[in-house]
Every structure is written in structure tokens, then in C-alpha cells.
Amino acid sequence: MHCIKRFHRVAQAALVATGLALGVNAVAQEWPQRPISLIVPFPTGGTTDVLARALGEQLSKNLGQPVVVENKPGAGATLGADYVAKARPDGYTLLMGAVHHTIATIVYPSLPYSFQKDLAPVTTVAMVPNVLVVNAERTPSKTVAELVELAKKSSPELAYGSNGNGTAQHLIGTQFQLATGAKLLHVPYKGSGPLTTDLLGGQVAMSFDTLTPVLPHIQAGKLRALAVTTAKRSSTLPDLPTLQESGLGDFDIGTWFGIMAPAGTPEPVLDRLNKEIVGIVTSDDFRKRMLALGAEVMASSRQEFAQRIENETAKFGQLVKEANLKIE
């Protein structure tokens, strides 16, 4: 009798497991059945927004459902991330995450979500070099050395704009000051759109923004590019030196972008998303489109993306500690 009962329990457990597996597979096969929201944690016009719309356009064709980009800016990109972290884990709400989120984890003492626990990495999409640019009419510096000299003599302090407190641009500006001894005034914005407007208008003297939103203005001669912040030169502007080449030592910070979903999203849905997005990102058409924007494609497995987040959180944690950077 005991053996019979045990057999029934094992058989029942097997049926439940089979049912769950079939249920998960059914979810993957049925998904998506309605529009998908792709949350951009910055205003329209910035790099994150541009990349999200380019990806969403193709992803919509591949999945047969609209991919609707929604902008939810604020608090150094953490408002949009929090929105997705708290969304239903059903594959219908995604985040265009960025390097900013790994930094925010460190500099914001009490975020309402955990970037590593509440969000599931899908794949990276692109890496965009950050570039030191100045207003061509109002800032005479033509090299990094000239800008540093100007900044040290300037009163009041030269102002640089960023995409917000705790973003990559903020951290780059802080690291730039540590490396050069120049004192700069940090002016946070909600995104590249309003930042670029004020940079062109002369309200701020310089920025360390991603290449995408400033590239047209560099090409038009309104902004002057002095250096990229990555260790490698930009494929789009190959003649532009790096900050390392300009004498700033081991300076290597760029901005990656990638897709994330709420933690708990079914594995088959995450795998399908990864497969579809990697296919788009590695296509020749998408690669050419990204290069025209100053971006370089960067696809990855889910595991590789998770490892990048872990590694860079540790890396930026050390930089933040050295800079004693805290945001209330």
C-alpha cells in the first residue's frame, strides 16, 4: 500500500511538472498577442530613444505586433527602470536599459528596485562612445589640454551638462576632474535632448554626451569634438583622439544599451526575445544604420549581458568610491 501511494505521488508530481512545462511552452508559442511597450528612461531625441525606435521598428515586423516606445524620464533613468521592474512579467513591458543603471545602483542610496534582482537581461544592443564636445562659438579650446587650462583659469567654473545625476556623463565628468585637477560645474538634465539644446545655446560650455545626439552638430560645425572617452577610437570619427591619447591615463568609459524585462518573465519568452533582437542587431542593415548614428552594434547572450552588468557595477563602484560621489 505504501509503495502504491508513493507511486501515485511521484506520478502526480510528474504530471504537474509536465503541465507546467506545457504551460510555459504555450506561453512562448502564444506570445506576443498584443502590443509590447518598450520603455525609454529618457526624453525623446537622445541616444536611448533613437536606438529604441530603430530596434522597435524592426522587432515589430519580426514579432507581428506593434512595439510602442514610451518615454519615462527622470532621476537619472531610474524612474523608467522602476516602472519596468514593477510591471507584470509577461513579456509585454521591456526596458531599454543602459550603463547609467549600473551607476545608479551605486550612487542612489535607496532605489525602490534592485537592478540585478528585479530585471532580467535579454541582450545588449549597441555601444556608443561618449565624446567630449564644446560649444564651437563660445569655447575656444581646440584640444583637451587647452580646455583643461581654460577650466583651471575660468571664473565662474565652466559648466558641463549631463543626462542627469548618476548617469555615465556625470561619472565621466567627475573622473575627468579627478584626472586633470580642473574644477567644473555639473548641470544635470533629464536627457540628451534638452542638454544638447542648452549646449548649442551656450547655457553650458561642454558635455560628455554619447556621440549619437551630438554627431549632426559636430558635422555642422556648431559643436567641436575634442576626444572620445573610450579606450578605442570611434569608427564614425576615426581621426578624433581618445582621452587616453590626450594624456588622461587609463580613461575608458563608454555607454552600452540593452534590453531588459521584469524578473520572472517566462524563460521561453526571454529566449525568443534574445533570438529576435540578436538577429536584428547583427544584420548588415542595422549595423550600417547604427554606424551612421555613431553607434557600434553589440549583441550578446543573456548570460553575457548579466555578467557585464555584474562586472561594471563593481568597476563603477570603485570609481564612485574614489570620487566620493553620492546623490540624495
C-alpha atoms as a PDB file:
ATOM      1  CA  MET A   1       0.000   0.000   0.000  1.00  0.00           C
ATOM      2  CA  HIS A   2       2.838   2.348   0.905  1.00  0.00           C
ATOM      3  CA  CYS A   3       4.532   1.708  -2.449  1.00  0.00           C
ATOM      4  CA  ILE A   4       1.274   2.356  -4.307  1.00  0.00           C
ATOM      5  CA  LYS A   5       0.788   5.706  -2.521  1.00  0.00           C
ATOM      6  CA  ARG A   6       4.365   6.667  -3.258  1.00  0.00           C
ATOM      7  CA  PHE A   7       3.870   5.758  -6.926  1.00  0.00           C
ATOM      8  CA  HIS A   8       0.757   7.955  -7.075  1.00  0.00           C
ATOM      9  CA  ARG A   9       2.667  10.900  -5.514  1.00  0.00           C
ATOM     10  CA  VAL A  10       5.530  10.549  -7.993  1.00  0.00           C
ATOM     11  CA  ALA A  11       3.113  10.207 -10.894  1.00  0.00           C
ATOM     12  CA  GLN A  12       1.154  13.260  -9.731  1.00  0.00           C
ATOM     13  CA  ALA A  13       4.346  15.314  -9.414  1.00  0.00           C
ATOM     14  CA  ALA A  14       5.388  14.261 -12.898  1.00  0.00           C
ATOM     15  CA  LEU A  15       2.017  15.295 -14.294  1.00  0.00           C
ATOM     16  CA  VAL A  16       2.243  18.682 -12.565  1.00  0.00           C
ATOM     17  CA  ALA A  17       5.773  19.237 -13.922  1.00  0.00           C
ATOM     18  CA  THR A  18       4.651  18.231 -17.394  1.00  0.00           C
ATOM     19  CA  GLY A  19       1.684  20.552 -17.146  1.00  0.00           C
ATOM     20  CA  LEU A  20       3.894  23.442 -16.068  1.00  0.00           C
ATOM     21  CA  ALA A  21       6.303  22.767 -18.914  1.00  0.00           C
ATOM     22  CA  LEU A  22       3.468  22.630 -21.415  1.00  0.00           C
ATOM     23  CA  GLY A  23       2.049  25.822 -19.927  1.00  0.00           C
ATOM     24  CA  VAL A  24       5.363  27.652 -20.275  1.00  0.00           C
ATOM     25  CA  ASN A  25       5.784  26.413 -23.847  1.00  0.00           C
ATOM     26  CA  ALA A  26       2.259  27.519 -24.627  1.00  0.00           C
ATOM     27  CA  VAL A  27       3.048  30.983 -23.282  1.00  0.00           C
ATOM     28  CA  ALA A  28       6.097  31.210 -25.557  1.00  0.00           C
ATOM     29  CA  GLN A  29       4.161  29.982 -28.598  1.00  0.00           C
ATOM     30  CA  GLU A  30       1.257  32.353 -27.985  1.00  0.00           C
ATOM     31  CA  TRP A  31       3.434  35.378 -27.172  1.00  0.00           C
ATOM     32  CA  PRO A  32       3.045  38.061 -28.345  1.00  0.00           C
ATOM     33  CA  GLN A  33      -0.686  38.502 -28.767  1.00  0.00           C
ATOM     34  CA  ARG A  34      -0.820  42.267 -28.237  1.00  0.00           C
ATOM     35  CA  PRO A  35       1.401  45.381 -28.448  1.00  0.00           C
ATOM     36  CA  ILE A  36       4.677  45.478 -26.490  1.00  0.00           C
ATOM     37  CA  SER A  37       5.765  48.567 -24.560  1.00  0.00           C
ATOM     38  CA  LEU A  38       9.446  49.469 -24.793  1.00  0.00           C
ATOM     39  CA  ILE A  39      10.238  51.915 -22.006  1.00  0.00           C
ATOM     40  CA  VAL A  40      12.914  54.539 -22.619  1.00  0.00           C
ATOM     41  CA  PRO A  41      14.009  56.179 -19.328  1.00  0.00           C
ATOM     42  CA  PHE A  42      14.978  59.439 -21.068  1.00  0.00           C
ATOM     43  CA  PRO A  43      13.115  62.078 -23.137  1.00  0.00           C
ATOM     44  CA  THR A  44      12.749  61.866 -26.909  1.00  0.00           C
ATOM     45  CA  GLY A  45      15.724  62.778 -29.074  1.00  0.00           C
ATOM     46  CA  GLY A  46      18.526  61.183 -27.057  1.00  0.00           C
ATOM     47  CA  THR A  47      20.609  58.127 -27.897  1.00  0.00           C
ATOM     48  CA  THR A  48      18.468  55.728 -25.862  1.00  0.00           C
ATOM     49  CA  ASP A  49      15.331  56.951 -27.610  1.00  0.00           C
ATOM     50  CA  VAL A  50      16.865  56.797 -31.101  1.00  0.00           C
ATOM     51  CA  LEU A  51      18.181  53.262 -30.590  1.00  0.00           C
ATOM     52  CA  ALA A  52      14.903  52.072 -29.072  1.00  0.00           C
ATOM     53  CA  ARG A  53      12.860  53.354 -32.007  1.00  0.00           C
ATOM     54  CA  ALA A  54      15.223  51.840 -34.573  1.00  0.00           C
ATOM     55  CA  LEU A  55      15.125  48.470 -32.806  1.00  0.00           C
ATOM     56  CA  GLY A  56      11.396  48.627 -32.088  1.00  0.00           C
ATOM     57  CA  GLU A  57      10.586  49.258 -35.734  1.00  0.00           C
ATOM     58  CA  GLN A  58      12.289  46.041 -36.856  1.00  0.00           C
ATOM     59  CA  LEU A  59      11.235  43.988 -33.817  1.00  0.00           C
ATOM     60  CA  SER A  60       7.610  44.882 -34.533  1.00  0.00           C
ATOM     61  CA  LYS A  61       7.947  43.441 -38.048  1.00  0.00           C
ATOM     62  CA  ASN A  62       9.565  40.260 -36.754  1.00  0.00           C
ATOM     63  CA  LEU A  63       7.017  39.621 -33.995  1.00  0.00           C
ATOM     64  CA  GLY A  64       3.912  40.725 -35.879  1.00  0.00           C
ATOM     65  CA  GLN A  65       2.850  43.086 -33.080  1.00  0.00           C
ATOM     66  CA  PRO A  66       3.461  46.816 -32.539  1.00  0.00           C
ATOM     67  CA  VAL A  67       6.403  47.730 -30.323  1.00  0.00           C
ATOM     68  CA  VAL A  68       5.428  51.045 -28.764  1.00  0.00           C
ATOM     69  CA  VAL A  69       8.227  53.235 -27.396  1.00  0.00           C
ATOM     70  CA  GLU A  70       7.212  55.082 -24.236  1.00  0.00           C
ATOM     71  CA  ASN A  71       9.432  57.767 -22.700  1.00  0.00           C
ATOM     72  CA  LYS A  72       9.518  57.845 -18.897  1.00  0.00           C
ATOM     73  CA  PRO A  73      12.437  60.136 -17.987  1.00  0.00           C
ATOM     74  CA  GLY A  74      13.694  61.274 -14.614  1.00  0.00           C
ATOM     75  CA  ALA A  75      16.005  60.597 -11.670  1.00  0.00           C
ATOM     76  CA  GLY A  76      19.000  59.513 -13.728  1.00  0.00           C
ATOM     77  CA  ALA A  77      16.989  56.927 -15.709  1.00  0.00           C
ATOM     78  CA  THR A  78      15.786  55.182 -12.541  1.00  0.00           C
ATOM     79  CA  LEU A  79      12.092  56.127 -12.888  1.00  0.00           C
ATOM     80  CA  GLY A  80      11.742  54.172 -16.117  1.00  0.00           C
ATOM     81  CA  ALA A  81      13.671  51.232 -14.700  1.00  0.00           C
ATOM     82  CA  ASP A  82      11.465  51.171 -11.610  1.00  0.00           C
ATOM     83  CA  TYR A  83       8.350  51.171 -13.814  1.00  0.00           C
ATOM     84  CA  VAL A  84       9.535  48.095 -15.712  1.00  0.00           C
ATOM     85  CA  ALA A  85      10.787  46.346 -12.558  1.00  0.00           C
ATOM     86  CA  LYS A  86       7.250  46.564 -11.141  1.00  0.00           C
ATOM     87  CA  ALA A  87       5.442  45.615 -14.373  1.00  0.00           C
ATOM     88  CA  ARG A  88       3.802  42.222 -14.945  1.00  0.00           C
ATOM     89  CA  PRO A  89       6.492  39.713 -16.017  1.00  0.00           C
ATOM     90  CA  ASP A  90       4.677  38.644 -19.171  1.00  0.00           C
ATOM     91  CA  GLY A  91       6.958  39.941 -21.927  1.00  0.00           C
ATOM     92  CA  TYR A  92       4.795  42.931 -22.782  1.00  0.00           C
ATOM     93  CA  THR A  93       6.820  45.572 -20.928  1.00  0.00           C
ATOM     94  CA  LEU A  94      10.523  45.947 -21.721  1.00  0.00           C
ATOM     95  CA  LEU A  95      13.243  48.421 -20.788  1.00  0.00           C
ATOM     96  CA  MET A  96      15.912  49.933 -22.981  1.00  0.00           C
ATOM     97  CA  GLY A  97      18.489  49.813 -20.222  1.00  0.00           C
ATOM     98  CA  ALA A  98      21.888  51.464 -20.281  1.00  0.00           C
ATOM     99  CA  VAL A  99      25.161  51.728 -18.426  1.00  0.00           C
ATOM    100  CA  HIS A 100      23.553  54.513 -16.368  1.00  0.00           C
ATOM    101  CA  HIS A 101      21.566  51.919 -14.445  1.00  0.00           C
ATOM    102  CA  THR A 102      24.664  50.160 -13.118  1.00  0.00           C
ATOM    103  CA  ILE A 103      25.972  53.512 -11.879  1.00  0.00           C
ATOM    104  CA  ALA A 104      22.621  54.483 -10.344  1.00  0.00           C
ATOM    105  CA  THR A 105      22.710  51.281  -8.294  1.00  0.00           C
ATOM    106  CA  ILE A 106      25.783  52.674  -6.560  1.00  0.00           C
ATOM    107  CA  VAL A 107      25.166  56.421  -6.281  1.00  0.00           C
ATOM    108  CA  TYR A 108      21.496  56.340  -5.247  1.00  0.00           C
ATOM    109  CA  PRO A 109      21.375  55.013  -1.661  1.00  0.00           C
ATOM    110  CA  SER A 110      17.737  53.898  -1.624  1.00  0.00           C
ATOM    111  CA  LEU A 111      16.397  52.891  -5.029  1.00  0.00           C
ATOM    112  CA  PRO A 112      12.885  51.372  -4.934  1.00  0.00           C
ATOM    113  CA  TYR A 113      14.083  48.408  -7.022  1.00  0.00           C
ATOM    114  CA  SER A 114      17.106  46.173  -7.429  1.00  0.00           C
ATOM    115  CA  PHE A 115      18.631  46.425 -10.899  1.00  0.00           C
ATOM    116  CA  GLN A 116      20.168  42.955 -10.697  1.00  0.00           C
ATOM    117  CA  LYS A 117      17.288  41.185  -8.924  1.00  0.00           C
ATOM    118  CA  ASP A 118      14.153  42.822 -10.344  1.00  0.00           C
ATOM    119  CA  LEU A 119      15.163  42.984 -14.011  1.00  0.00           C
ATOM    120  CA  ALA A 120      16.149  40.155 -16.360  1.00  0.00           C
ATOM    121  CA  PRO A 121      18.834  40.862 -19.010  1.00  0.00           C
ATOM    122  CA  VAL A 122      17.849  39.955 -22.579  1.00  0.00           C
ATOM    123  CA  THR A 123      20.726  41.234 -24.741  1.00  0.00           C
ATOM    124  CA  THR A 124      22.948  44.217 -25.294  1.00  0.00           C
ATOM    125  CA  VAL A 125      22.158  46.201 -28.438  1.00  0.00           C
ATOM    126  CA  ALA A 126      24.896  48.765 -29.014  1.00  0.00           C
ATOM    127  CA  MET A 127      27.889  50.550 -27.558  1.00  0.00           C
ATOM    128  CA  VAL A 128      28.108  54.278 -28.156  1.00  0.00           C
ATOM    129  CA  PRO A 129      31.304  56.181 -27.354  1.00  0.00           C
ATOM    130  CA  ASN A 130      30.905  59.239 -25.197  1.00  0.00           C
ATOM    131  CA  VAL A 131      32.571  62.305 -26.650  1.00  0.00           C
ATOM    132  CA  LEU A 132      33.877  65.485 -25.044  1.00  0.00           C
ATOM    133  CA  VAL A 133      32.345  68.353 -27.005  1.00  0.00           C
ATOM    134  CA  VAL A 134      32.358  72.114 -26.525  1.00  0.00           C
ATOM    135  CA  ASN A 135      30.287  74.921 -27.987  1.00  0.00           C
ATOM    136  CA  ALA A 136      32.334  75.874 -31.069  1.00  0.00           C
ATOM    137  CA  GLU A 137      31.486  79.594 -30.886  1.00  0.00           C
ATOM    138  CA  ARG A 138      31.740  80.209 -27.151  1.00  0.00           C
ATOM    139  CA  THR A 139      34.515  77.856 -26.050  1.00  0.00           C
ATOM    140  CA  PRO A 140      37.794  78.483 -27.916  1.00  0.00           C
ATOM    141  CA  SER A 141      39.594  75.291 -26.827  1.00  0.00           C
ATOM    142  CA  LYS A 142      40.646  73.045 -29.703  1.00  0.00           C
ATOM    143  CA  THR A 143      42.353  70.321 -27.643  1.00  0.00           C
ATOM    144  CA  VAL A 144      41.786  68.633 -24.294  1.00  0.00           C
ATOM    145  CA  ALA A 145      44.916  70.326 -22.906  1.00  0.00           C
ATOM    146  CA  GLU A 146      43.613  73.765 -23.916  1.00  0.00           C
ATOM    147  CA  LEU A 147      40.238  73.018 -22.331  1.00  0.00           C
ATOM    148  CA  VAL A 148      41.856  71.916 -19.061  1.00  0.00           C
ATOM    149  CA  GLU A 149      43.934  75.103 -18.994  1.00  0.00           C
ATOM    150  CA  LEU A 150      40.824  77.193 -19.656  1.00  0.00           C
ATOM    151  CA  ALA A 151      38.850  75.373 -16.952  1.00  0.00           C
ATOM    152  CA  LYS A 152      41.570  75.958 -14.354  1.00  0.00           C
ATOM    153  CA  LYS A 153      41.590  79.696 -15.090  1.00  0.00           C
ATOM    154  CA  SER A 154      37.839  80.151 -15.552  1.00  0.00           C
ATOM    155  CA  SER A 155      35.761  82.032 -13.014  1.00  0.00           C
ATOM    156  CA  PRO A 156      32.969  81.130 -12.573  1.00  0.00           C
ATOM    157  CA  GLU A 157      33.611  77.442 -13.185  1.00  0.00           C
ATOM    158  CA  LEU A 158      32.982  76.044 -16.661  1.00  0.00           C
ATOM    159  CA  ALA A 159      29.668  74.182 -16.692  1.00  0.00           C
ATOM    160  CA  TYR A 160      29.223  70.745 -18.198  1.00  0.00           C
ATOM    161  CA  GLY A 161      25.857  69.138 -18.787  1.00  0.00           C
ATOM    162  CA  SER A 162      24.883  65.516 -18.245  1.00  0.00           C
ATOM    163  CA  ASN A 163      21.831  63.313 -18.756  1.00  0.00           C
ATOM    164  CA  GLY A 164      21.152  63.513 -15.035  1.00  0.00           C
ATOM    165  CA  ASN A 165      22.653  62.789 -11.654  1.00  0.00           C
ATOM    166  CA  GLY A 166      24.264  59.376 -11.515  1.00  0.00           C
ATOM    167  CA  THR A 167      24.452  58.860 -15.294  1.00  0.00           C
ATOM    168  CA  ALA A 168      27.571  57.907 -17.256  1.00  0.00           C
ATOM    169  CA  GLN A 169      28.052  61.522 -18.336  1.00  0.00           C
ATOM    170  CA  HIS A 170      28.040  62.641 -14.701  1.00  0.00           C
ATOM    171  CA  LEU A 171      30.568  59.992 -13.730  1.00  0.00           C
ATOM    172  CA  ILE A 172      32.782  60.790 -16.731  1.00  0.00           C
ATOM    173  CA  GLY A 173      32.758  64.468 -15.784  1.00  0.00           C
ATOM    174  CA  THR A 174      33.695  63.586 -12.219  1.00  0.00           C
ATOM    175  CA  GLN A 175      36.505  61.290 -13.406  1.00  0.00           C
ATOM    176  CA  PHE A 176      37.714  63.996 -15.818  1.00  0.00           C
ATOM    177  CA  GLN A 177      38.083  66.413 -12.919  1.00  0.00           C
ATOM    178  CA  LEU A 178      39.960  63.856 -10.841  1.00  0.00           C
ATOM    179  CA  ALA A 179      42.321  63.134 -13.749  1.00  0.00           C
ATOM    180  CA  THR A 180      43.030  66.772 -14.677  1.00  0.00           C
ATOM    181  CA  GLY A 181      42.588  68.784 -11.494  1.00  0.00           C
ATOM    182  CA  ALA A 182      40.143  71.080 -13.309  1.00  0.00           C
ATOM    183  CA  LYS A 183      37.043  72.179 -11.425  1.00  0.00           C
ATOM    184  CA  LEU A 184      33.790  72.053 -13.367  1.00  0.00           C
ATOM    185  CA  LEU A 185      30.175  72.860 -12.507  1.00  0.00           C
ATOM    186  CA  HIS A 186      27.851  69.895 -13.074  1.00  0.00           C
ATOM    187  CA  VAL A 187      24.427  70.730 -14.561  1.00  0.00           C
ATOM    188  CA  PRO A 188      22.085  67.690 -14.722  1.00  0.00           C
ATOM    189  CA  TYR A 189      19.358  67.385 -17.368  1.00  0.00           C
ATOM    190  CA  LYS A 190      16.652  64.791 -17.942  1.00  0.00           C
ATOM    191  CA  GLY A 191      18.216  63.624 -21.186  1.00  0.00           C
ATOM    192  CA  SER A 192      20.328  64.406 -24.246  1.00  0.00           C
ATOM    193  CA  GLY A 193      17.576  66.389 -25.989  1.00  0.00           C
ATOM    194  CA  PRO A 194      17.358  69.285 -23.515  1.00  0.00           C
ATOM    195  CA  LEU A 195      21.097  69.029 -22.791  1.00  0.00           C
ATOM    196  CA  THR A 196      22.038  69.450 -26.452  1.00  0.00           C
ATOM    197  CA  THR A 197      19.669  72.410 -26.803  1.00  0.00           C
ATOM    198  CA  ASP A 198      21.378  74.233 -23.933  1.00  0.00           C
ATOM    199  CA  LEU A 199      24.851  73.260 -25.138  1.00  0.00           C
ATOM    200  CA  LEU A 200      24.096  74.766 -28.545  1.00  0.00           C
ATOM    201  CA  GLY A 201      22.651  77.841 -26.838  1.00  0.00           C
ATOM    202  CA  GLY A 202      25.717  78.328 -24.661  1.00  0.00           C
ATOM    203  CA  GLN A 203      23.998  77.723 -21.320  1.00  0.00           C
ATOM    204  CA  VAL A 204      26.636  75.051 -20.651  1.00  0.00           C
ATOM    205  CA  ALA A 205      30.154  75.094 -22.109  1.00  0.00           C
ATOM    206  CA  MET A 206      30.684  71.380 -22.658  1.00  0.00           C
ATOM    207  CA  SER A 207      29.371  67.863 -22.259  1.00  0.00           C
ATOM    208  CA  PHE A 208      30.500  64.241 -22.278  1.00  0.00           C
ATOM    209  CA  ASP A 209      27.400  63.027 -24.083  1.00  0.00           C
ATOM    210  CA  THR A 210      27.077  59.965 -26.257  1.00  0.00           C
ATOM    211  CA  LEU A 211      28.050  60.526 -29.873  1.00  0.00           C
ATOM    212  CA  THR A 212      24.605  59.967 -31.413  1.00  0.00           C
ATOM    213  CA  PRO A 213      22.789  63.210 -30.414  1.00  0.00           C
ATOM    214  CA  VAL A 214      25.802  65.500 -30.958  1.00  0.00           C
ATOM    215  CA  LEU A 215      27.137  63.992 -34.205  1.00  0.00           C
ATOM    216  CA  PRO A 216      24.991  66.148 -36.562  1.00  0.00           C
ATOM    217  CA  HIS A 217      26.094  69.296 -34.709  1.00  0.00           C
ATOM    218  CA  ILE A 218      29.754  68.236 -34.867  1.00  0.00           C
ATOM    219  CA  GLN A 219      29.389  67.685 -38.597  1.00  0.00           C
ATOM    220  CA  ALA A 220      27.662  71.090 -38.941  1.00  0.00           C
ATOM    221  CA  GLY A 221      30.491  72.822 -37.054  1.00  0.00           C
ATOM    222  CA  LYS A 222      28.292  74.028 -34.188  1.00  0.00           C
ATOM    223  CA  LEU A 223      29.961  71.738 -31.667  1.00  0.00           C
ATOM    224  CA  ARG A 224      33.668  70.928 -31.543  1.00  0.00           C
ATOM    225  CA  ALA A 225      34.664  67.388 -30.578  1.00  0.00           C
ATOM    226  CA  LEU A 226      37.904  67.139 -28.591  1.00  0.00           C
ATOM    227  CA  ALA A 227      38.127  63.429 -27.679  1.00  0.00           C
ATOM    228  CA  VAL A 228      36.187  60.217 -27.106  1.00  0.00           C
ATOM    229  CA  THR A 229      36.090  58.772 -23.593  1.00  0.00           C
ATOM    230  CA  THR A 230      36.587  55.137 -24.614  1.00  0.00           C
ATOM    231  CA  ALA A 231      39.967  53.422 -24.913  1.00  0.00           C
ATOM    232  CA  LYS A 232      39.253  52.747 -28.601  1.00  0.00           C
ATOM    233  CA  ARG A 233      38.639  55.461 -31.199  1.00  0.00           C
ATOM    234  CA  SER A 234      35.186  55.782 -32.754  1.00  0.00           C
ATOM    235  CA  SER A 235      34.631  54.103 -36.119  1.00  0.00           C
ATOM    236  CA  THR A 236      32.442  57.067 -37.064  1.00  0.00           C
ATOM    237  CA  LEU A 237      35.093  59.700 -36.195  1.00  0.00           C
ATOM    238  CA  PRO A 238      38.365  57.784 -36.604  1.00  0.00           C
ATOM    239  CA  ASP A 239      40.532  60.938 -36.582  1.00  0.00           C
ATOM    240  CA  LEU A 240      39.281  62.013 -33.151  1.00  0.00           C
ATOM    241  CA  PRO A 241      41.722  61.072 -30.357  1.00  0.00           C
ATOM    242  CA  THR A 242      40.779  59.327 -27.128  1.00  0.00           C
ATOM    243  CA  LEU A 243      41.170  60.891 -23.708  1.00  0.00           C
ATOM    244  CA  GLN A 244      43.924  58.345 -23.088  1.00  0.00           C
ATOM    245  CA  GLU A 245      45.785  59.616 -26.146  1.00  0.00           C
ATOM    246  CA  SER A 246      45.199  63.147 -24.840  1.00  0.00           C
ATOM    247  CA  GLY A 247      47.164  62.367 -21.685  1.00  0.00           C
ATOM    248  CA  LEU A 248      44.457  61.306 -19.235  1.00  0.00           C
ATOM    249  CA  GLY A 249      45.859  57.881 -18.399  1.00  0.00           C
ATOM    250  CA  ASP A 250      43.639  54.808 -18.146  1.00  0.00           C
ATOM    251  CA  PHE A 251      40.379  56.529 -19.137  1.00  0.00           C
ATOM    252  CA  ASP A 252      37.837  54.118 -20.621  1.00  0.00           C
ATOM    253  CA  ILE A 253      34.114  54.738 -20.153  1.00  0.00           C
ATOM    254  CA  GLY A 254      31.511  54.244 -22.871  1.00  0.00           C
ATOM    255  CA  THR A 255      27.750  53.835 -22.903  1.00  0.00           C
ATOM    256  CA  TRP A 256      26.156  50.486 -23.707  1.00  0.00           C
ATOM    257  CA  PHE A 257      22.454  49.952 -24.257  1.00  0.00           C
ATOM    258  CA  GLY A 258      20.480  46.739 -23.847  1.00  0.00           C
ATOM    259  CA  ILE A 259      17.019  45.248 -23.487  1.00  0.00           C
ATOM    260  CA  MET A 260      15.726  44.068 -20.107  1.00  0.00           C
ATOM    261  CA  ALA A 261      12.442  42.594 -18.890  1.00  0.00           C
ATOM    262  CA  PRO A 262      10.845  42.262 -15.460  1.00  0.00           C
ATOM    263  CA  ALA A 263      12.324  39.416 -13.418  1.00  0.00           C
ATOM    264  CA  GLY A 264      10.066  36.374 -13.596  1.00  0.00           C
ATOM    265  CA  THR A 265       9.315  36.764 -17.298  1.00  0.00           C
ATOM    266  CA  PRO A 266       8.983  33.207 -18.701  1.00  0.00           C
ATOM    267  CA  GLU A 267      12.298  31.792 -19.885  1.00  0.00           C
ATOM    268  CA  PRO A 268      10.979  30.849 -23.355  1.00  0.00           C
ATOM    269  CA  VAL A 269       9.836  34.465 -23.863  1.00  0.00           C
ATOM    270  CA  LEU A 270      13.253  35.796 -22.798  1.00  0.00           C
ATOM    271  CA  ASP A 271      14.945  33.322 -25.137  1.00  0.00           C
ATOM    272  CA  ARG A 272      12.664  34.320 -28.027  1.00  0.00           C
ATOM    273  CA  LEU A 273      13.385  37.995 -27.397  1.00  0.00           C
ATOM    274  CA  ASN A 274      17.106  37.330 -27.319  1.00  0.00           C
ATOM    275  CA  LYS A 275      16.994  35.372 -30.580  1.00  0.00           C
ATOM    276  CA  GLU A 276      14.920  38.004 -32.403  1.00  0.00           C
ATOM    277  CA  ILE A 277      16.904  41.022 -31.164  1.00  0.00           C
ATOM    278  CA  VAL A 278      20.326  39.441 -31.735  1.00  0.00           C
ATOM    279  CA  GLY A 279      19.220  38.632 -35.287  1.00  0.00           C
ATOM    280  CA  ILE A 280      18.228  42.254 -35.861  1.00  0.00           C
ATOM    281  CA  VAL A 281      21.327  43.742 -34.237  1.00  0.00           C
ATOM    282  CA  THR A 282      23.772  41.582 -36.197  1.00  0.00           C
ATOM    283  CA  SER A 283      22.148  42.240 -39.573  1.00  0.00           C
ATOM    284  CA  ASP A 284      24.094  44.346 -42.083  1.00  0.00           C
ATOM    285  CA  ASP A 285      21.265  46.875 -42.430  1.00  0.00           C
ATOM    286  CA  PHE A 286      21.031  47.528 -38.697  1.00  0.00           C
ATOM    287  CA  ARG A 287      24.824  47.696 -38.360  1.00  0.00           C
ATOM    288  CA  LYS A 288      25.047  50.336 -41.124  1.00  0.00           C
ATOM    289  CA  ARG A 289      22.191  52.276 -39.559  1.00  0.00           C
ATOM    290  CA  MET A 290      23.939  52.292 -36.185  1.00  0.00           C
ATOM    291  CA  LEU A 291      27.282  53.400 -37.633  1.00  0.00           C
ATOM    292  CA  ALA A 292      25.523  56.374 -39.212  1.00  0.00           C
ATOM    293  CA  LEU A 293      24.365  57.291 -35.699  1.00  0.00           C
ATOM    294  CA  GLY A 294      27.820  56.881 -34.179  1.00  0.00           C
ATOM    295  CA  ALA A 295      26.896  53.585 -32.515  1.00  0.00           C
ATOM    296  CA  GLU A 296      28.516  50.177 -32.809  1.00  0.00           C
ATOM    297  CA  VAL A 297      26.313  47.091 -32.535  1.00  0.00           C
ATOM    298  CA  MET A 298      26.925  44.796 -29.584  1.00  0.00           C
ATOM    299  CA  ALA A 299      24.761  41.672 -29.344  1.00  0.00           C
ATOM    300  CA  SER A 300      25.168  39.180 -26.501  1.00  0.00           C
ATOM    301  CA  SER A 301      23.666  36.150 -24.841  1.00  0.00           C
ATOM    302  CA  ARG A 302      21.522  36.672 -21.762  1.00  0.00           C
ATOM    303  CA  GLN A 303      24.305  35.275 -19.595  1.00  0.00           C
ATOM    304  CA  GLU A 304      26.952  37.555 -21.136  1.00  0.00           C
ATOM    305  CA  PHE A 305      24.749  40.584 -20.527  1.00  0.00           C
ATOM    306  CA  ALA A 306      24.213  39.594 -16.892  1.00  0.00           C
ATOM    307  CA  GLN A 307      27.979  39.211 -16.455  1.00  0.00           C
ATOM    308  CA  ARG A 308      28.606  42.650 -17.977  1.00  0.00           C
ATOM    309  CA  ILE A 309      26.188  44.210 -15.505  1.00  0.00           C
ATOM    310  CA  GLU A 310      27.898  42.479 -12.595  1.00  0.00           C
ATOM    311  CA  ASN A 311      31.394  43.451 -13.757  1.00  0.00           C
ATOM    312  CA  GLU A 312      30.574  47.075 -14.463  1.00  0.00           C
ATOM    313  CA  THR A 313      28.675  47.543 -11.212  1.00  0.00           C
ATOM    314  CA  ALA A 314      31.885  46.561  -9.435  1.00  0.00           C
ATOM    315  CA  LYS A 315      34.036  48.761 -11.712  1.00  0.00           C
ATOM    316  CA  PHE A 316      31.899  51.855 -11.295  1.00  0.00           C
ATOM    317  CA  GLY A 317      31.572  51.191  -7.594  1.00  0.00           C
ATOM    318  CA  GLN A 318      35.311  51.686  -7.287  1.00  0.00           C
ATOM    319  CA  LEU A 319      35.204  54.909  -9.338  1.00  0.00           C
ATOM    320  CA  VAL A 320      32.332  56.290  -7.285  1.00  0.00           C
ATOM    321  CA  LYS A 321      34.222  55.477  -4.098  1.00  0.00           C
ATOM    322  CA  GLU A 322      37.334  57.273  -5.346  1.00  0.00           C
ATOM    323  CA  ALA A 323      35.277  60.308  -6.334  1.00  0.00           C
ATOM    324  CA  ASN A 324      33.208  60.193  -3.127  1.00  0.00           C
ATOM    325  CA  LEU A 325      30.124  60.697  -5.301  1.00  0.00           C
ATOM    326  CA  LYS A 326      26.752  60.445  -3.559  1.00  0.00           C
ATOM    327  CA  ILE A 327      23.279  61.538  -4.590  1.00  0.00           C
ATOM    328  CA  GLU A 328      20.483  62.046  -2.133  1.00  0.00           C
END
